[in-house]
Amino acid sequence: MIRSLSAVLLMLALVIGGPAGAREALKISLAHNSVTERETRDQLDRLLHKYDLSKWLYTKEIVIDDDAIPHSDPVLTLHTRHLKDDDLLLSTFVHEQMHRFLALRRREDFDQAITDLRRLFPEIPVGFPEGSSSDEGNYEHLLVVRLEYRADLELLGELRARQVMEFWAADHYTWIYRKMLHRQVRDKISEIIQNHRLVPTA
């Protein structure tokens, strides 16, 4: 009860935007009002002011939760694991936003893209650490991770984006991230994304 009350009281309306001046209201709530949640909120707020993320922003509400695994639905939720690494937190934020982006696309476009990916990769390991928790989740993550990498390249530059992908390739969804380190694979997935109009635009 106290934790729930704290989360409500700590819901903040933060003004975010990049150096270009585009600004939006974003609500950030803290699940437990812990020191690490407050620090992660401040870290995220700083990143949202530093980078123009308007192209990759598809939610108005975020929860920061020490105990959660990052997820996009029903409310985009981040953990506090990456307090020491801005690039990893930024990439995680974009990753979850890309899940929301795909959920807003036409179902027909999404389904056709998944069909093409199944032809390209008939088998993907299911389960941690190599894959998602389901077969369908694996194919969605091929799209999400490719979009994440595209965003990281634009936001962080080639070297830092590559370093982020290499970290994830030894951390979680390892099969998917390892594949993404190969240019030919990225190009094939990019073609599918383009063909089915699954590219975020400013």
N, C-alpha and C. Protein backbone atom coordinates (compact mmCIF):
# COMPACT_ATOMS: atom_id res chain seq x y z
N MET A 1 0.84 -1.20 0.00
CA MET A 1 0.00 0.00 0.00
C MET A 1 0.87 1.25 0.00
N ILE A 2 1.91 1.25 0.87
CA ILE A 2 2.82 2.39 0.94
C ILE A 2 3.57 2.54 -0.36
N ARG A 3 4.03 1.40 -0.91
CA ARG A 3 4.76 1.46 -2.18
C ARG A 3 3.89 1.99 -3.29
N SER A 4 2.63 1.54 -3.35
CA SER A 4 1.72 2.01 -4.39
C SER A 4 1.48 3.50 -4.26
N LEU A 5 1.31 3.97 -3.00
CA LEU A 5 1.10 5.39 -2.77
C LEU A 5 2.32 6.18 -3.20
N SER A 6 3.50 5.64 -2.90
CA SER A 6 4.73 6.32 -3.30
C SER A 6 4.83 6.44 -4.81
N ALA A 7 4.44 5.37 -5.51
CA ALA A 7 4.52 5.39 -6.97
C ALA A 7 3.61 6.48 -7.54
N VAL A 8 2.41 6.60 -6.94
CA VAL A 8 1.47 7.62 -7.41
C VAL A 8 2.00 9.02 -7.13
N LEU A 9 2.50 9.20 -5.92
CA LEU A 9 2.99 10.53 -5.53
C LEU A 9 4.22 10.94 -6.32
N LEU A 10 4.98 9.93 -6.77
CA LEU A 10 6.23 10.25 -7.46
C LEU A 10 6.09 10.33 -8.97
N MET A 11 4.87 10.20 -9.48
CA MET A 11 4.68 10.33 -10.91
C MET A 11 4.95 11.77 -11.31
N LEU A 12 5.87 11.93 -12.20
CA LEU A 12 6.32 13.27 -12.56
C LEU A 12 6.05 13.54 -14.03
N ALA A 13 5.69 14.76 -14.33
CA ALA A 13 5.60 15.18 -15.73
C ALA A 13 6.90 15.89 -16.06
N LEU A 14 7.73 15.25 -16.89
CA LEU A 14 9.02 15.80 -17.24
C LEU A 14 8.97 16.30 -18.68
N VAL A 15 9.56 17.44 -18.92
CA VAL A 15 9.63 17.96 -20.27
C VAL A 15 10.90 17.42 -20.90
N ILE A 16 10.74 16.75 -22.04
CA ILE A 16 11.90 16.14 -22.67
C ILE A 16 12.05 16.67 -24.07
N GLY A 17 13.21 16.46 -24.61
CA GLY A 17 13.45 16.85 -25.98
C GLY A 17 14.92 16.93 -26.25
N GLY A 18 15.28 16.98 -27.52
CA GLY A 18 16.68 17.03 -27.88
C GLY A 18 17.10 18.44 -28.17
N PRO A 19 18.34 18.59 -28.62
CA PRO A 19 18.88 19.90 -28.89
C PRO A 19 18.15 20.64 -29.99
N ALA A 20 17.41 19.91 -30.81
CA ALA A 20 16.66 20.57 -31.89
C ALA A 20 15.46 21.34 -31.35
N GLY A 21 15.07 21.08 -30.12
CA GLY A 21 14.00 21.86 -29.50
C GLY A 21 12.65 21.18 -29.47
N ALA A 22 12.51 20.01 -30.09
CA ALA A 22 11.23 19.29 -30.02
C ALA A 22 11.03 18.80 -28.60
N ARG A 23 9.83 19.08 -28.05
CA ARG A 23 9.61 18.75 -26.64
C ARG A 23 8.24 18.09 -26.47
N GLU A 24 8.18 17.13 -25.56
CA GLU A 24 6.93 16.45 -25.26
C GLU A 24 6.84 16.20 -23.77
N ALA A 25 5.63 16.02 -23.29
CA ALA A 25 5.44 15.67 -21.88
C ALA A 25 5.55 14.16 -21.72
N LEU A 26 6.33 13.73 -20.77
CA LEU A 26 6.52 12.31 -20.49
C LEU A 26 6.36 12.09 -19.00
N LYS A 27 5.50 11.17 -18.63
CA LYS A 27 5.31 10.83 -17.21
C LYS A 27 6.26 9.70 -16.84
N ILE A 28 7.02 9.91 -15.79
CA ILE A 28 7.91 8.87 -15.27
C ILE A 28 7.51 8.58 -13.82
N SER A 29 7.18 7.35 -13.54
CA SER A 29 6.85 6.97 -12.17
C SER A 29 7.86 5.97 -11.65
N LEU A 30 8.07 5.99 -10.33
CA LEU A 30 9.00 5.10 -9.67
C LEU A 30 8.22 4.05 -8.89
N ALA A 31 8.58 2.80 -9.10
CA ALA A 31 7.81 1.71 -8.45
C ALA A 31 8.00 1.69 -6.95
N HIS A 32 9.22 1.98 -6.47
CA HIS A 32 9.52 1.83 -5.04
C HIS A 32 10.15 3.08 -4.42
N ASN A 33 10.40 4.08 -5.21
CA ASN A 33 11.07 5.31 -4.74
C ASN A 33 12.42 5.00 -4.11
N SER A 34 13.13 4.03 -4.66
CA SER A 34 14.46 3.69 -4.16
C SER A 34 15.48 4.69 -4.69
N VAL A 35 16.65 4.67 -4.08
CA VAL A 35 17.73 5.56 -4.54
C VAL A 35 18.07 5.25 -6.00
N THR A 36 18.18 3.97 -6.35
CA THR A 36 18.57 3.61 -7.71
C THR A 36 17.48 3.98 -8.72
N GLU A 37 16.22 3.89 -8.33
CA GLU A 37 15.15 4.32 -9.24
C GLU A 37 15.20 5.82 -9.46
N ARG A 38 15.43 6.59 -8.41
CA ARG A 38 15.53 8.04 -8.56
C ARG A 38 16.73 8.42 -9.43
N GLU A 39 17.85 7.72 -9.22
CA GLU A 39 19.05 8.01 -10.01
C GLU A 39 18.84 7.64 -11.48
N THR A 40 18.14 6.53 -11.72
CA THR A 40 17.87 6.13 -13.11
C THR A 40 16.91 7.11 -13.77
N ARG A 41 15.92 7.60 -13.03
CA ARG A 41 15.03 8.63 -13.55
C ARG A 41 15.82 9.87 -13.98
N ASP A 42 16.74 10.30 -13.12
CA ASP A 42 17.54 11.48 -13.43
C ASP A 42 18.46 11.22 -14.63
N GLN A 43 19.00 10.00 -14.70
CA GLN A 43 19.86 9.62 -15.82
C GLN A 43 19.07 9.64 -17.13
N LEU A 44 17.87 9.05 -17.10
CA LEU A 44 17.04 9.02 -18.29
C LEU A 44 16.62 10.43 -18.70
N ASP A 45 16.26 11.24 -17.74
CA ASP A 45 15.88 12.62 -18.04
C ASP A 45 17.02 13.36 -18.73
N ARG A 46 18.24 13.16 -18.24
CA ARG A 46 19.41 13.79 -18.85
C ARG A 46 19.60 13.32 -20.29
N LEU A 47 19.44 12.02 -20.53
CA LEU A 47 19.59 11.49 -21.88
C LEU A 47 18.51 12.01 -22.82
N LEU A 48 17.30 12.15 -22.30
CA LEU A 48 16.19 12.65 -23.11
C LEU A 48 16.39 14.11 -23.49
N HIS A 49 17.10 14.84 -22.68
CA HIS A 49 17.43 16.22 -23.02
C HIS A 49 18.64 16.30 -23.95
N LYS A 50 19.53 15.35 -23.82
CA LYS A 50 20.76 15.36 -24.63
C LYS A 50 20.52 14.96 -26.07
N TYR A 51 19.65 13.97 -26.28
CA TYR A 51 19.42 13.41 -27.61
C TYR A 51 18.01 13.75 -28.10
N ASP A 52 17.89 13.96 -29.39
CA ASP A 52 16.57 14.15 -29.98
C ASP A 52 15.99 12.76 -30.28
N LEU A 53 15.10 12.32 -29.41
CA LEU A 53 14.53 10.98 -29.52
C LEU A 53 13.12 10.98 -30.11
N SER A 54 12.72 12.10 -30.69
CA SER A 54 11.34 12.21 -31.17
C SER A 54 10.98 11.12 -32.18
N LYS A 55 11.93 10.69 -32.99
CA LYS A 55 11.67 9.64 -33.98
C LYS A 55 11.37 8.29 -33.34
N TRP A 56 11.84 8.10 -32.11
CA TRP A 56 11.73 6.79 -31.46
C TRP A 56 10.87 6.83 -30.20
N LEU A 57 10.05 7.84 -30.06
CA LEU A 57 9.23 7.97 -28.86
C LEU A 57 7.78 7.64 -29.18
N TYR A 58 7.27 6.54 -28.60
CA TYR A 58 5.92 6.07 -28.91
C TYR A 58 5.11 5.79 -27.65
N THR A 59 5.53 6.39 -26.55
CA THR A 59 4.77 6.25 -25.31
C THR A 59 4.87 7.54 -24.52
N LYS A 60 3.88 7.80 -23.70
CA LYS A 60 3.86 9.01 -22.88
C LYS A 60 4.13 8.70 -21.41
N GLU A 61 4.27 7.42 -21.08
CA GLU A 61 4.39 7.03 -19.68
C GLU A 61 5.45 5.95 -19.53
N ILE A 62 6.27 6.07 -18.50
CA ILE A 62 7.33 5.12 -18.22
C ILE A 62 7.34 4.82 -16.73
N VAL A 63 7.60 3.57 -16.38
CA VAL A 63 7.82 3.17 -15.00
C VAL A 63 9.26 2.71 -14.86
N ILE A 64 9.92 3.12 -13.79
CA ILE A 64 11.24 2.61 -13.47
C ILE A 64 11.11 1.73 -12.24
N ASP A 65 11.57 0.49 -12.37
CA ASP A 65 11.32 -0.52 -11.35
C ASP A 65 12.58 -1.35 -11.13
N ASP A 66 13.12 -1.29 -9.92
CA ASP A 66 14.31 -2.08 -9.57
C ASP A 66 14.13 -3.55 -9.90
N ASP A 67 12.92 -4.06 -9.70
CA ASP A 67 12.69 -5.51 -9.74
C ASP A 67 12.21 -6.03 -11.09
N ALA A 68 12.03 -5.15 -12.06
CA ALA A 68 11.40 -5.55 -13.32
C ALA A 68 12.44 -5.90 -14.39
N ILE A 69 12.04 -6.79 -15.29
CA ILE A 69 12.73 -6.96 -16.56
C ILE A 69 12.11 -5.95 -17.52
N PRO A 70 12.91 -5.19 -18.26
CA PRO A 70 12.31 -4.18 -19.16
C PRO A 70 11.26 -4.79 -20.08
N HIS A 71 10.15 -4.08 -20.23
CA HIS A 71 9.09 -4.52 -21.12
C HIS A 71 8.31 -3.30 -21.61
N SER A 72 7.55 -3.50 -22.66
CA SER A 72 6.87 -2.37 -23.30
C SER A 72 5.39 -2.29 -23.02
N ASP A 73 4.79 -3.35 -22.51
CA ASP A 73 3.34 -3.41 -22.38
C ASP A 73 2.96 -4.01 -21.03
N PRO A 74 1.93 -3.50 -20.37
CA PRO A 74 1.02 -2.42 -20.80
C PRO A 74 1.60 -1.02 -20.62
N VAL A 75 2.58 -0.86 -19.71
CA VAL A 75 3.27 0.41 -19.54
C VAL A 75 4.76 0.16 -19.73
N LEU A 76 5.40 0.97 -20.54
CA LEU A 76 6.82 0.78 -20.79
C LEU A 76 7.59 0.88 -19.48
N THR A 77 8.34 -0.16 -19.15
CA THR A 77 9.02 -0.26 -17.87
C THR A 77 10.50 -0.53 -18.06
N LEU A 78 11.32 0.22 -17.35
CA LEU A 78 12.77 0.06 -17.38
C LEU A 78 13.27 -0.35 -16.00
N HIS A 79 14.41 -1.05 -15.96
CA HIS A 79 15.01 -1.38 -14.68
C HIS A 79 16.14 -0.39 -14.38
N THR A 80 16.88 -0.66 -13.32
CA THR A 80 17.94 0.27 -12.88
C THR A 80 19.32 -0.31 -13.09
N ARG A 81 19.43 -1.30 -13.92
CA ARG A 81 20.67 -2.04 -14.09
C ARG A 81 21.79 -1.22 -14.72
N HIS A 82 21.44 -0.23 -15.54
CA HIS A 82 22.46 0.44 -16.35
C HIS A 82 22.79 1.86 -15.87
N LEU A 83 22.74 2.03 -14.56
CA LEU A 83 23.07 3.33 -13.99
C LEU A 83 24.47 3.80 -14.37
N LYS A 84 25.38 2.88 -14.58
CA LYS A 84 26.77 3.23 -14.88
C LYS A 84 27.05 3.33 -16.37
N ASP A 85 26.04 3.13 -17.20
CA ASP A 85 26.29 3.13 -18.64
C ASP A 85 25.14 3.78 -19.38
N ASP A 86 25.33 5.02 -19.79
CA ASP A 86 24.28 5.76 -20.50
C ASP A 86 23.88 5.08 -21.80
N ASP A 87 24.86 4.55 -22.54
CA ASP A 87 24.56 3.97 -23.85
C ASP A 87 23.65 2.75 -23.72
N LEU A 88 23.88 1.93 -22.71
CA LEU A 88 23.05 0.74 -22.51
C LEU A 88 21.63 1.12 -22.10
N LEU A 89 21.50 2.12 -21.25
CA LEU A 89 20.16 2.56 -20.86
C LEU A 89 19.43 3.16 -22.06
N LEU A 90 20.12 3.98 -22.83
CA LEU A 90 19.49 4.59 -24.01
C LEU A 90 19.04 3.52 -25.00
N SER A 91 19.89 2.52 -25.23
CA SER A 91 19.54 1.46 -26.17
C SER A 91 18.37 0.63 -25.66
N THR A 92 18.33 0.37 -24.35
CA THR A 92 17.20 -0.35 -23.77
C THR A 92 15.90 0.44 -23.94
N PHE A 93 15.97 1.74 -23.69
CA PHE A 93 14.82 2.61 -23.86
C PHE A 93 14.30 2.55 -25.29
N VAL A 94 15.21 2.67 -26.26
CA VAL A 94 14.81 2.62 -27.67
C VAL A 94 14.24 1.24 -28.02
N HIS A 95 14.87 0.20 -27.52
CA HIS A 95 14.39 -1.17 -27.77
C HIS A 95 12.92 -1.32 -27.39
N GLU A 96 12.58 -0.88 -26.18
CA GLU A 96 11.19 -1.02 -25.73
C GLU A 96 10.26 -0.09 -26.52
N GLN A 97 10.74 1.08 -26.89
CA GLN A 97 9.92 1.96 -27.73
C GLN A 97 9.64 1.33 -29.09
N MET A 98 10.58 0.55 -29.62
CA MET A 98 10.37 -0.09 -30.92
C MET A 98 9.32 -1.19 -30.84
N HIS A 99 9.20 -1.83 -29.68
CA HIS A 99 8.08 -2.76 -29.49
C HIS A 99 6.76 -2.00 -29.61
N ARG A 100 6.68 -0.84 -28.99
CA ARG A 100 5.46 -0.04 -29.06
C ARG A 100 5.20 0.44 -30.49
N PHE A 101 6.26 0.85 -31.16
CA PHE A 101 6.13 1.27 -32.56
C PHE A 101 5.53 0.16 -33.43
N LEU A 102 6.05 -1.05 -33.30
CA LEU A 102 5.55 -2.15 -34.13
C LEU A 102 4.11 -2.48 -33.78
N ALA A 103 3.74 -2.33 -32.52
CA ALA A 103 2.36 -2.61 -32.11
C ALA A 103 1.37 -1.63 -32.76
N LEU A 104 1.87 -0.47 -33.16
CA LEU A 104 1.01 0.54 -33.78
C LEU A 104 0.94 0.41 -35.30
N ARG A 105 1.78 -0.45 -35.87
CA ARG A 105 1.77 -0.62 -37.33
C ARG A 105 0.58 -1.47 -37.75
N ARG A 106 0.28 -1.42 -39.05
CA ARG A 106 -0.80 -2.26 -39.58
C ARG A 106 -0.44 -3.73 -39.37
N ARG A 107 -1.40 -4.49 -38.85
CA ARG A 107 -1.13 -5.89 -38.54
C ARG A 107 -0.70 -6.66 -39.79
N GLU A 108 -1.26 -6.32 -40.92
CA GLU A 108 -0.92 -7.01 -42.17
C GLU A 108 0.56 -6.81 -42.50
N ASP A 109 1.07 -5.59 -42.35
CA ASP A 109 2.48 -5.31 -42.63
C ASP A 109 3.38 -6.10 -41.69
N PHE A 110 3.01 -6.10 -40.41
CA PHE A 110 3.80 -6.81 -39.42
C PHE A 110 3.81 -8.31 -39.72
N ASP A 111 2.65 -8.89 -39.98
CA ASP A 111 2.55 -10.33 -40.24
C ASP A 111 3.35 -10.74 -41.48
N GLN A 112 3.30 -9.90 -42.52
CA GLN A 112 4.05 -10.22 -43.74
C GLN A 112 5.56 -10.17 -43.49
N ALA A 113 5.98 -9.21 -42.66
CA ALA A 113 7.39 -9.12 -42.31
C ALA A 113 7.83 -10.37 -41.54
N ILE A 114 7.00 -10.84 -40.63
CA ILE A 114 7.32 -12.04 -39.85
C ILE A 114 7.41 -13.25 -40.78
N THR A 115 6.51 -13.34 -41.75
CA THR A 115 6.55 -14.44 -42.72
C THR A 115 7.87 -14.44 -43.48
N ASP A 116 8.32 -13.27 -43.90
CA ASP A 116 9.59 -13.17 -44.61
C ASP A 116 10.76 -13.57 -43.71
N LEU A 117 10.70 -13.19 -42.45
CA LEU A 117 11.77 -13.54 -41.52
C LEU A 117 11.80 -15.04 -41.25
N ARG A 118 10.65 -15.67 -41.21
CA ARG A 118 10.60 -17.12 -41.02
C ARG A 118 11.26 -17.84 -42.18
N ARG A 119 11.11 -17.32 -43.39
CA ARG A 119 11.79 -17.92 -44.55
C ARG A 119 13.30 -17.74 -44.43
N LEU A 120 13.71 -16.60 -43.94
CA LEU A 120 15.13 -16.29 -43.83
C LEU A 120 15.79 -17.07 -42.70
N PHE A 121 15.06 -17.24 -41.59
CA PHE A 121 15.58 -17.96 -40.42
C PHE A 121 14.53 -18.98 -39.97
N PRO A 122 14.54 -20.18 -40.55
CA PRO A 122 13.51 -21.18 -40.21
C PRO A 122 13.52 -21.59 -38.74
N GLU A 123 14.68 -21.52 -38.09
CA GLU A 123 14.77 -21.94 -36.70
C GLU A 123 15.59 -20.93 -35.90
N ILE A 124 15.04 -20.49 -34.78
CA ILE A 124 15.74 -19.62 -33.85
C ILE A 124 15.58 -20.23 -32.46
N PRO A 125 16.66 -20.33 -31.69
CA PRO A 125 16.54 -20.91 -30.34
C PRO A 125 15.54 -20.12 -29.48
N VAL A 126 14.68 -20.83 -28.79
CA VAL A 126 13.70 -20.22 -27.89
C VAL A 126 14.22 -20.31 -26.47
N GLY A 127 14.08 -19.22 -25.73
CA GLY A 127 14.45 -19.22 -24.31
C GLY A 127 15.77 -18.54 -24.03
N PHE A 128 15.88 -18.05 -22.79
CA PHE A 128 17.08 -17.35 -22.34
C PHE A 128 18.28 -18.30 -22.32
N PRO A 129 19.49 -17.84 -22.70
CA PRO A 129 19.83 -16.47 -23.10
C PRO A 129 19.78 -16.22 -24.60
N GLU A 130 19.61 -17.28 -25.41
CA GLU A 130 19.76 -17.11 -26.85
C GLU A 130 18.58 -16.41 -27.51
N GLY A 131 17.38 -16.72 -27.05
CA GLY A 131 16.22 -16.18 -27.74
C GLY A 131 15.18 -15.63 -26.79
N SER A 132 14.05 -15.26 -27.38
CA SER A 132 12.91 -14.78 -26.61
C SER A 132 12.21 -15.98 -25.97
N SER A 133 11.15 -15.71 -25.24
CA SER A 133 10.44 -16.79 -24.55
C SER A 133 9.50 -17.57 -25.45
N SER A 134 9.34 -17.11 -26.70
CA SER A 134 8.45 -17.80 -27.63
C SER A 134 8.99 -17.69 -29.05
N ASP A 135 8.50 -18.56 -29.90
CA ASP A 135 8.89 -18.54 -31.31
C ASP A 135 8.50 -17.21 -31.96
N GLU A 136 7.27 -16.77 -31.75
CA GLU A 136 6.82 -15.51 -32.34
C GLU A 136 7.63 -14.33 -31.80
N GLY A 137 7.95 -14.39 -30.51
CA GLY A 137 8.74 -13.32 -29.92
C GLY A 137 10.11 -13.20 -30.54
N ASN A 138 10.69 -14.33 -30.94
CA ASN A 138 11.99 -14.29 -31.61
C ASN A 138 11.94 -13.47 -32.89
N TYR A 139 10.92 -13.70 -33.69
CA TYR A 139 10.84 -12.99 -34.98
C TYR A 139 10.51 -11.52 -34.79
N GLU A 140 9.69 -11.21 -33.81
CA GLU A 140 9.46 -9.80 -33.50
C GLU A 140 10.75 -9.14 -33.05
N HIS A 141 11.55 -9.88 -32.27
CA HIS A 141 12.80 -9.29 -31.78
C HIS A 141 13.81 -9.08 -32.90
N LEU A 142 13.77 -9.86 -33.95
CA LEU A 142 14.64 -9.57 -35.09
C LEU A 142 14.34 -8.18 -35.65
N LEU A 143 13.07 -7.83 -35.72
CA LEU A 143 12.69 -6.50 -36.18
C LEU A 143 13.08 -5.43 -35.16
N VAL A 144 12.75 -5.69 -33.89
CA VAL A 144 13.03 -4.71 -32.84
C VAL A 144 14.52 -4.43 -32.73
N VAL A 145 15.32 -5.48 -32.73
CA VAL A 145 16.76 -5.32 -32.56
C VAL A 145 17.38 -4.61 -33.76
N ARG A 146 16.87 -4.91 -34.96
CA ARG A 146 17.40 -4.19 -36.13
C ARG A 146 17.06 -2.71 -36.03
N LEU A 147 15.84 -2.38 -35.61
CA LEU A 147 15.46 -0.98 -35.45
C LEU A 147 16.26 -0.32 -34.32
N GLU A 148 16.50 -1.08 -33.26
CA GLU A 148 17.33 -0.58 -32.15
C GLU A 148 18.73 -0.22 -32.64
N TYR A 149 19.31 -1.10 -33.43
CA TYR A 149 20.67 -0.87 -33.94
C TYR A 149 20.69 0.36 -34.86
N ARG A 150 19.68 0.50 -35.70
CA ARG A 150 19.59 1.68 -36.57
C ARG A 150 19.55 2.96 -35.73
N ALA A 151 18.74 2.95 -34.68
CA ALA A 151 18.64 4.12 -33.81
C ALA A 151 19.97 4.39 -33.11
N ASP A 152 20.61 3.32 -32.60
CA ASP A 152 21.88 3.49 -31.91
C ASP A 152 22.94 4.09 -32.83
N LEU A 153 22.97 3.64 -34.07
CA LEU A 153 23.92 4.20 -35.03
C LEU A 153 23.71 5.70 -35.21
N GLU A 154 22.46 6.09 -35.31
CA GLU A 154 22.15 7.50 -35.52
C GLU A 154 22.44 8.33 -34.27
N LEU A 155 22.16 7.76 -33.10
CA LEU A 155 22.30 8.51 -31.86
C LEU A 155 23.73 8.48 -31.31
N LEU A 156 24.39 7.33 -31.41
CA LEU A 156 25.65 7.12 -30.73
C LEU A 156 26.86 7.07 -31.66
N GLY A 157 26.62 6.87 -32.95
CA GLY A 157 27.73 6.69 -33.86
C GLY A 157 28.10 5.22 -34.00
N GLU A 158 28.91 4.93 -35.01
CA GLU A 158 29.19 3.54 -35.38
C GLU A 158 29.90 2.76 -34.28
N LEU A 159 30.96 3.33 -33.69
CA LEU A 159 31.75 2.59 -32.71
C LEU A 159 30.93 2.27 -31.46
N ARG A 160 30.27 3.26 -30.88
CA ARG A 160 29.52 3.03 -29.65
C ARG A 160 28.32 2.14 -29.89
N ALA A 161 27.66 2.29 -31.04
CA ALA A 161 26.53 1.41 -31.36
C ALA A 161 26.98 -0.04 -31.46
N ARG A 162 28.12 -0.25 -32.10
CA ARG A 162 28.67 -1.61 -32.23
C ARG A 162 29.00 -2.18 -30.85
N GLN A 163 29.57 -1.37 -29.98
CA GLN A 163 29.92 -1.83 -28.64
C GLN A 163 28.67 -2.24 -27.86
N VAL A 164 27.60 -1.50 -28.01
CA VAL A 164 26.34 -1.85 -27.35
C VAL A 164 25.83 -3.20 -27.86
N MET A 165 25.84 -3.40 -29.18
CA MET A 165 25.37 -4.65 -29.75
C MET A 165 26.24 -5.83 -29.30
N GLU A 166 27.54 -5.62 -29.20
CA GLU A 166 28.43 -6.68 -28.74
C GLU A 166 28.16 -7.02 -27.27
N PHE A 167 27.86 -6.02 -26.47
CA PHE A 167 27.50 -6.29 -25.07
C PHE A 167 26.24 -7.14 -25.00
N TRP A 168 25.19 -6.74 -25.73
CA TRP A 168 23.94 -7.51 -25.70
C TRP A 168 24.16 -8.92 -26.24
N ALA A 169 25.06 -9.08 -27.22
CA ALA A 169 25.29 -10.39 -27.84
C ALA A 169 25.87 -11.41 -26.86
N ALA A 170 26.36 -10.93 -25.72
CA ALA A 170 26.86 -11.83 -24.68
C ALA A 170 25.99 -11.77 -23.43
N ASP A 171 24.83 -11.10 -23.53
CA ASP A 171 24.01 -10.84 -22.35
C ASP A 171 22.63 -11.48 -22.43
N HIS A 172 21.86 -11.16 -23.44
CA HIS A 172 20.52 -11.71 -23.60
C HIS A 172 20.12 -11.65 -25.07
N TYR A 173 19.15 -12.46 -25.48
CA TYR A 173 18.82 -12.61 -26.91
C TYR A 173 20.12 -12.77 -27.70
N THR A 174 21.01 -13.59 -27.18
CA THR A 174 22.37 -13.63 -27.72
C THR A 174 22.42 -14.10 -29.17
N TRP A 175 21.58 -15.04 -29.56
CA TRP A 175 21.56 -15.51 -30.95
C TRP A 175 21.13 -14.36 -31.86
N ILE A 176 20.12 -13.62 -31.44
CA ILE A 176 19.58 -12.54 -32.25
C ILE A 176 20.60 -11.40 -32.39
N TYR A 177 21.21 -11.02 -31.29
CA TYR A 177 22.19 -9.93 -31.35
C TYR A 177 23.45 -10.35 -32.10
N ARG A 178 23.86 -11.60 -31.96
CA ARG A 178 25.03 -12.07 -32.73
C ARG A 178 24.76 -11.98 -34.22
N LYS A 179 23.56 -12.37 -34.63
CA LYS A 179 23.22 -12.27 -36.05
C LYS A 179 23.29 -10.82 -36.52
N MET A 180 22.88 -9.90 -35.66
CA MET A 180 22.82 -8.49 -36.04
C MET A 180 24.20 -7.88 -36.21
N LEU A 181 25.23 -8.56 -35.74
CA LEU A 181 26.59 -8.06 -35.91
C LEU A 181 27.12 -8.31 -37.32
N HIS A 182 26.39 -9.07 -38.12
CA HIS A 182 26.81 -9.36 -39.50
C HIS A 182 26.07 -8.43 -40.47
N ARG A 183 26.84 -7.70 -41.26
CA ARG A 183 26.25 -6.71 -42.16
C ARG A 183 25.25 -7.33 -43.14
N GLN A 184 25.57 -8.50 -43.69
CA GLN A 184 24.67 -9.13 -44.66
C GLN A 184 23.31 -9.44 -44.03
N VAL A 185 23.33 -9.90 -42.79
CA VAL A 185 22.07 -10.19 -42.09
C VAL A 185 21.31 -8.89 -41.85
N ARG A 186 21.99 -7.88 -41.37
CA ARG A 186 21.33 -6.58 -41.13
C ARG A 186 20.70 -6.06 -42.41
N ASP A 187 21.42 -6.18 -43.52
CA ASP A 187 20.90 -5.68 -44.79
C ASP A 187 19.63 -6.42 -45.21
N LYS A 188 19.61 -7.72 -45.01
CA LYS A 188 18.43 -8.51 -45.39
C LYS A 188 17.23 -8.14 -44.52
N ILE A 189 17.47 -7.97 -43.22
CA ILE A 189 16.36 -7.59 -42.34
C ILE A 189 15.92 -6.16 -42.63
N SER A 190 16.86 -5.29 -42.93
CA SER A 190 16.51 -3.91 -43.30
C SER A 190 15.62 -3.89 -44.54
N GLU A 191 15.91 -4.75 -45.49
CA GLU A 191 15.09 -4.82 -46.70
C GLU A 191 13.66 -5.23 -46.37
N ILE A 192 13.51 -6.19 -45.48
CA ILE A 192 12.18 -6.62 -45.05
C ILE A 192 11.45 -5.46 -44.35
N ILE A 193 12.15 -4.77 -43.49
CA ILE A 193 11.57 -3.63 -42.77
C ILE A 193 11.11 -2.55 -43.75
N GLN A 194 11.94 -2.26 -44.74
CA GLN A 194 11.58 -1.25 -45.74
C GLN A 194 10.39 -1.71 -46.58
N ASN A 195 10.42 -2.97 -47.01
CA ASN A 195 9.36 -3.49 -47.88
C ASN A 195 7.98 -3.43 -47.22
N HIS A 196 7.95 -3.56 -45.90
CA HIS A 196 6.67 -3.61 -45.19
C HIS A 196 6.40 -2.36 -44.37
N ARG A 197 7.10 -1.29 -44.70
CA ARG A 197 6.82 0.04 -44.14
C ARG A 197 6.88 0.05 -42.61
N LEU A 198 7.95 -0.52 -42.08
CA LEU A 198 8.11 -0.61 -40.64
C LEU A 198 9.30 0.24 -40.17
N VAL A 199 9.44 1.42 -40.76
CA VAL A 199 10.55 2.31 -40.44
C VAL A 199 10.03 3.53 -39.68
N PRO A 200 10.52 3.77 -38.48
CA PRO A 200 10.11 4.99 -37.75
C PRO A 200 10.56 6.24 -38.50
N THR A 201 9.74 7.26 -38.47
CA THR A 201 10.08 8.54 -39.09
C THR A 201 9.85 9.66 -38.10
N ALA A 202 10.59 10.72 -38.27
CA ALA A 202 10.46 11.85 -37.35
C ALA A 202 9.10 12.49 -37.47
